[in-house]
Amino acid sequence: MKTKNTIWRERLLFFFLGAISLGIGGLLLGAASDYNASTLNYGRYQISSWATRLDQNSGAVGAFVMDTVSGETRTVYMRTYGKPPASRAVKNDLKKSFHSID
């Protein structure tokens, strides 16, 4: 037959083992959920194009990229077209990362 002290020791042992197990499980689940949240960037950056007519013989075209998380928009490409002096690339940052675009 077990004594009263032995029963209390077993209960405390099982309580602390359960608390430690829950703590470790919580830490592991928390680490896993943070890892998955930081790797999901699908659709974060979106691109759109535009065009406008400046006069009868010239116009401009371009593209911009928007960061859907911060709402920041940056122009990555702009070109004027028309007669030779007006036809030129004003901006071409197509091969740069979003954060390095001026």
N, C-alpha and C. Protein backbone atom coordinates (compact mmCIF):
# COMPACT_ATOMS: atom_id res chain seq x y z
N MET A 1 0.82 -1.17 0.00
CA MET A 1 0.00 0.00 0.00
C MET A 1 0.88 1.25 0.00
N LYS A 2 0.47 2.23 -0.81
CA LYS A 2 1.25 3.45 -0.94
C LYS A 2 0.92 4.40 0.21
N THR A 3 1.96 5.12 0.61
CA THR A 3 1.73 6.11 1.67
C THR A 3 1.23 7.41 1.05
N LYS A 4 0.79 8.29 1.91
CA LYS A 4 0.26 9.57 1.46
C LYS A 4 1.34 10.41 0.76
N ASN A 5 2.56 10.37 1.26
CA ASN A 5 3.67 11.11 0.66
C ASN A 5 4.01 10.57 -0.73
N THR A 6 3.96 9.27 -0.91
CA THR A 6 4.26 8.66 -2.21
C THR A 6 3.22 9.06 -3.24
N ILE A 7 1.96 9.09 -2.86
CA ILE A 7 0.88 9.48 -3.77
C ILE A 7 1.06 10.93 -4.20
N TRP A 8 1.38 11.83 -3.26
CA TRP A 8 1.58 13.24 -3.61
C TRP A 8 2.80 13.43 -4.51
N ARG A 9 3.86 12.69 -4.27
CA ARG A 9 5.04 12.78 -5.13
C ARG A 9 4.71 12.35 -6.56
N GLU A 10 3.96 11.25 -6.69
CA GLU A 10 3.57 10.80 -8.03
C GLU A 10 2.70 11.83 -8.73
N ARG A 11 1.75 12.41 -8.00
CA ARG A 11 0.88 13.43 -8.60
C ARG A 11 1.68 14.64 -9.04
N LEU A 12 2.60 15.12 -8.21
CA LEU A 12 3.44 16.26 -8.59
C LEU A 12 4.33 15.92 -9.78
N LEU A 13 4.88 14.73 -9.80
CA LEU A 13 5.72 14.30 -10.91
C LEU A 13 4.93 14.31 -12.21
N PHE A 14 3.73 13.71 -12.21
CA PHE A 14 2.90 13.68 -13.42
C PHE A 14 2.45 15.08 -13.81
N PHE A 15 2.15 15.95 -12.85
CA PHE A 15 1.75 17.32 -13.14
C PHE A 15 2.90 18.06 -13.85
N PHE A 16 4.10 17.98 -13.31
CA PHE A 16 5.23 18.68 -13.91
C PHE A 16 5.62 18.09 -15.26
N LEU A 17 5.53 16.79 -15.41
CA LEU A 17 5.80 16.17 -16.71
C LEU A 17 4.78 16.63 -17.76
N GLY A 18 3.52 16.71 -17.36
CA GLY A 18 2.48 17.20 -18.27
C GLY A 18 2.68 18.66 -18.64
N ALA A 19 3.04 19.49 -17.65
CA ALA A 19 3.27 20.92 -17.90
C ALA A 19 4.47 21.11 -18.84
N ILE A 20 5.54 20.35 -18.62
CA ILE A 20 6.71 20.45 -19.49
C ILE A 20 6.37 19.99 -20.91
N SER A 21 5.61 18.91 -21.03
CA SER A 21 5.20 18.41 -22.35
C SER A 21 4.35 19.44 -23.09
N LEU A 22 3.40 20.06 -22.40
CA LEU A 22 2.57 21.09 -23.03
C LEU A 22 3.41 22.30 -23.44
N GLY A 23 4.34 22.68 -22.60
CA GLY A 23 5.21 23.81 -22.94
C GLY A 23 6.05 23.55 -24.18
N ILE A 24 6.65 22.37 -24.26
CA ILE A 24 7.46 22.02 -25.43
C ILE A 24 6.58 21.94 -26.67
N GLY A 25 5.41 21.34 -26.56
CA GLY A 25 4.49 21.26 -27.70
C GLY A 25 4.06 22.65 -28.17
N GLY A 26 3.77 23.54 -27.23
CA GLY A 26 3.39 24.91 -27.60
C GLY A 26 4.51 25.64 -28.31
N LEU A 27 5.73 25.47 -27.82
CA LEU A 27 6.88 26.11 -28.48
C LEU A 27 7.08 25.57 -29.89
N LEU A 28 6.93 24.27 -30.05
CA LEU A 28 7.11 23.70 -31.39
C LEU A 28 6.01 24.14 -32.34
N LEU A 29 4.78 24.19 -31.88
CA LEU A 29 3.69 24.65 -32.74
C LEU A 29 3.81 26.13 -33.07
N GLY A 30 4.24 26.92 -32.11
CA GLY A 30 4.44 28.34 -32.36
C GLY A 30 5.54 28.58 -33.37
N ALA A 31 6.62 27.84 -33.28
CA ALA A 31 7.72 27.99 -34.23
C ALA A 31 7.28 27.57 -35.62
N ALA A 32 6.49 26.54 -35.73
CA ALA A 32 6.02 26.07 -37.04
C ALA A 32 5.07 27.08 -37.66
N SER A 33 4.19 27.70 -36.89
CA SER A 33 3.24 28.65 -37.46
C SER A 33 3.96 29.92 -37.90
N ASP A 34 5.00 30.38 -37.18
CA ASP A 34 5.75 31.54 -37.61
C ASP A 34 6.51 31.25 -38.89
N TYR A 35 7.05 30.06 -39.03
CA TYR A 35 7.79 29.70 -40.23
C TYR A 35 6.88 29.74 -41.45
N ASN A 36 5.69 29.17 -41.36
CA ASN A 36 4.77 29.14 -42.50
C ASN A 36 4.27 30.52 -42.85
N ALA A 37 4.01 31.38 -41.86
CA ALA A 37 3.49 32.71 -42.14
C ALA A 37 4.52 33.57 -42.87
N SER A 38 5.80 33.40 -42.57
CA SER A 38 6.80 34.25 -43.19
C SER A 38 7.17 33.78 -44.60
N THR A 39 6.86 32.56 -44.96
CA THR A 39 7.25 32.07 -46.28
C THR A 39 6.15 32.24 -47.32
N LEU A 40 4.96 32.63 -46.93
CA LEU A 40 3.87 32.77 -47.88
C LEU A 40 3.82 34.20 -48.41
N ASN A 41 4.40 34.44 -49.58
CA ASN A 41 4.38 35.75 -50.20
C ASN A 41 3.72 35.70 -51.57
N TYR A 42 2.90 34.69 -51.81
CA TYR A 42 2.26 34.55 -53.11
C TYR A 42 1.33 35.73 -53.35
N GLY A 43 1.53 36.43 -54.45
CA GLY A 43 0.68 37.56 -54.80
C GLY A 43 1.04 38.84 -54.10
N ARG A 44 2.19 38.89 -53.42
CA ARG A 44 2.54 40.12 -52.71
C ARG A 44 2.83 41.25 -53.67
N TYR A 45 3.56 40.99 -54.74
CA TYR A 45 3.90 42.03 -55.71
C TYR A 45 3.05 41.85 -56.96
N GLN A 46 2.41 42.94 -57.38
CA GLN A 46 1.58 42.88 -58.58
C GLN A 46 2.04 43.95 -59.55
N ILE A 47 1.95 43.65 -60.84
CA ILE A 47 2.42 44.57 -61.87
C ILE A 47 1.23 45.02 -62.73
N SER A 48 1.32 46.26 -63.18
CA SER A 48 0.29 46.79 -64.06
C SER A 48 0.96 47.70 -65.08
N SER A 49 0.33 47.85 -66.23
CA SER A 49 0.90 48.71 -67.27
C SER A 49 -0.07 49.85 -67.59
N TRP A 50 0.45 50.86 -68.23
CA TRP A 50 -0.36 52.01 -68.60
C TRP A 50 0.15 52.59 -69.92
N ALA A 51 -0.67 53.37 -70.58
CA ALA A 51 -0.29 54.07 -71.81
C ALA A 51 -1.12 55.33 -71.93
N THR A 52 -0.54 56.35 -72.53
CA THR A 52 -1.27 57.60 -72.74
C THR A 52 -0.79 58.26 -74.04
N ARG A 53 -1.65 59.04 -74.61
CA ARG A 53 -1.32 59.77 -75.82
C ARG A 53 -0.96 61.20 -75.43
N LEU A 54 0.21 61.66 -75.88
CA LEU A 54 0.64 63.02 -75.54
C LEU A 54 0.15 64.03 -76.56
N ASP A 55 0.25 63.74 -77.84
CA ASP A 55 -0.33 64.56 -78.90
C ASP A 55 -0.62 63.66 -80.09
N GLN A 56 -0.79 64.22 -81.29
CA GLN A 56 -1.17 63.43 -82.46
C GLN A 56 -0.12 62.37 -82.82
N ASN A 57 1.16 62.65 -82.59
CA ASN A 57 2.21 61.76 -83.07
C ASN A 57 3.06 61.15 -81.95
N SER A 58 2.71 61.33 -80.72
CA SER A 58 3.56 60.78 -79.65
C SER A 58 2.71 60.35 -78.46
N GLY A 59 3.34 59.58 -77.61
CA GLY A 59 2.67 59.09 -76.42
C GLY A 59 3.69 58.50 -75.45
N ALA A 60 3.20 57.85 -74.42
CA ALA A 60 4.09 57.24 -73.43
C ALA A 60 3.45 55.93 -72.95
N VAL A 61 4.32 54.99 -72.63
CA VAL A 61 3.88 53.71 -72.06
C VAL A 61 4.74 53.42 -70.84
N GLY A 62 4.23 52.58 -69.96
CA GLY A 62 5.01 52.25 -68.78
C GLY A 62 4.40 51.13 -67.98
N ALA A 63 5.10 50.79 -66.90
CA ALA A 63 4.63 49.74 -66.00
C ALA A 63 5.02 50.11 -64.57
N PHE A 64 4.20 49.69 -63.63
CA PHE A 64 4.54 49.91 -62.23
C PHE A 64 4.24 48.64 -61.43
N VAL A 65 4.91 48.52 -60.28
CA VAL A 65 4.76 47.37 -59.40
C VAL A 65 4.25 47.87 -58.06
N MET A 66 3.29 47.12 -57.48
CA MET A 66 2.75 47.49 -56.18
C MET A 66 3.01 46.38 -55.18
N ASP A 67 3.46 46.77 -54.00
CA ASP A 67 3.62 45.85 -52.87
C ASP A 67 2.28 45.82 -52.15
N THR A 68 1.56 44.70 -52.21
CA THR A 68 0.21 44.64 -51.65
C THR A 68 0.20 44.62 -50.13
N VAL A 69 1.34 44.36 -49.49
CA VAL A 69 1.41 44.37 -48.03
C VAL A 69 1.52 45.80 -47.52
N SER A 70 2.45 46.59 -48.08
CA SER A 70 2.66 47.96 -47.60
C SER A 70 1.86 48.99 -48.40
N GLY A 71 1.40 48.63 -49.60
CA GLY A 71 0.66 49.57 -50.44
C GLY A 71 1.56 50.49 -51.24
N GLU A 72 2.86 50.30 -51.18
CA GLU A 72 3.81 51.15 -51.89
C GLU A 72 3.82 50.78 -53.37
N THR A 73 3.85 51.81 -54.23
CA THR A 73 3.87 51.60 -55.67
C THR A 73 5.11 52.25 -56.25
N ARG A 74 5.78 51.56 -57.17
CA ARG A 74 6.99 52.10 -57.81
C ARG A 74 6.91 51.89 -59.31
N THR A 75 7.31 52.92 -60.05
CA THR A 75 7.35 52.83 -61.50
C THR A 75 8.62 52.10 -61.91
N VAL A 76 8.49 51.04 -62.71
CA VAL A 76 9.65 50.26 -63.13
C VAL A 76 10.03 50.49 -64.59
N TYR A 77 9.12 51.00 -65.39
CA TYR A 77 9.44 51.21 -66.80
C TYR A 77 8.59 52.35 -67.34
N MET A 78 9.24 53.21 -68.14
CA MET A 78 8.51 54.29 -68.81
C MET A 78 9.26 54.63 -70.10
N ARG A 79 8.51 54.71 -71.18
CA ARG A 79 9.10 55.01 -72.49
C ARG A 79 8.16 55.94 -73.24
N THR A 80 8.76 56.95 -73.87
CA THR A 80 7.99 57.82 -74.75
C THR A 80 8.20 57.33 -76.18
N TYR A 81 7.23 57.57 -77.02
CA TYR A 81 7.36 57.17 -78.42
C TYR A 81 6.80 58.28 -79.29
N GLY A 82 7.22 58.26 -80.51
CA GLY A 82 6.81 59.29 -81.47
C GLY A 82 7.94 59.56 -82.42
N LYS A 83 8.11 60.82 -82.81
CA LYS A 83 9.20 61.20 -83.71
C LYS A 83 10.53 60.99 -82.99
N PRO A 84 11.62 60.75 -83.73
CA PRO A 84 12.90 60.35 -83.14
C PRO A 84 13.38 61.14 -81.92
N PRO A 85 13.30 62.45 -81.83
CA PRO A 85 13.82 63.04 -80.59
C PRO A 85 12.95 62.71 -79.37
N ALA A 86 11.69 62.45 -79.56
CA ALA A 86 10.80 62.18 -78.44
C ALA A 86 10.77 60.70 -78.05
N SER A 87 11.28 59.82 -78.89
CA SER A 87 11.22 58.39 -78.62
C SER A 87 12.45 57.95 -77.82
N ARG A 88 12.25 57.69 -76.54
CA ARG A 88 13.37 57.26 -75.69
C ARG A 88 12.84 56.56 -74.44
N ALA A 89 13.68 55.73 -73.87
CA ALA A 89 13.34 55.08 -72.60
C ALA A 89 13.67 56.04 -71.47
N VAL A 90 12.68 56.46 -70.74
CA VAL A 90 12.88 57.39 -69.64
C VAL A 90 13.35 56.66 -68.39
N LYS A 91 12.79 55.48 -68.16
CA LYS A 91 13.17 54.69 -66.99
C LYS A 91 13.07 53.22 -67.33
N ASN A 92 14.09 52.44 -66.92
CA ASN A 92 14.09 51.01 -67.16
C ASN A 92 14.71 50.30 -65.95
N ASP A 93 13.91 49.95 -64.98
CA ASP A 93 14.35 49.24 -63.77
C ASP A 93 13.76 47.83 -63.73
N LEU A 94 13.54 47.22 -64.89
CA LEU A 94 12.87 45.92 -64.94
C LEU A 94 13.68 44.80 -64.30
N LYS A 95 15.00 44.90 -64.29
CA LYS A 95 15.82 43.81 -63.74
C LYS A 95 16.27 44.08 -62.30
N LYS A 96 15.67 45.07 -61.64
CA LYS A 96 16.04 45.39 -60.26
C LYS A 96 15.00 44.79 -59.30
N SER A 97 15.43 44.59 -58.06
CA SER A 97 14.48 44.14 -57.04
C SER A 97 13.60 45.31 -56.63
N PHE A 98 12.48 45.03 -56.00
CA PHE A 98 11.52 46.07 -55.63
C PHE A 98 12.15 47.14 -54.75
N HIS A 99 12.96 46.74 -53.79
CA HIS A 99 13.51 47.68 -52.83
C HIS A 99 14.67 48.50 -53.39
N SER A 100 15.22 48.13 -54.54
CA SER A 100 16.31 48.90 -55.13
C SER A 100 15.82 49.84 -56.23
N ILE A 101 14.54 49.89 -56.50
CA ILE A 101 13.98 50.78 -57.52
C ILE A 101 13.88 52.18 -56.92
N ASP A 102 14.33 53.19 -57.68
CA ASP A 102 14.26 54.59 -57.20
C ASP A 102 12.86 55.10 -57.21
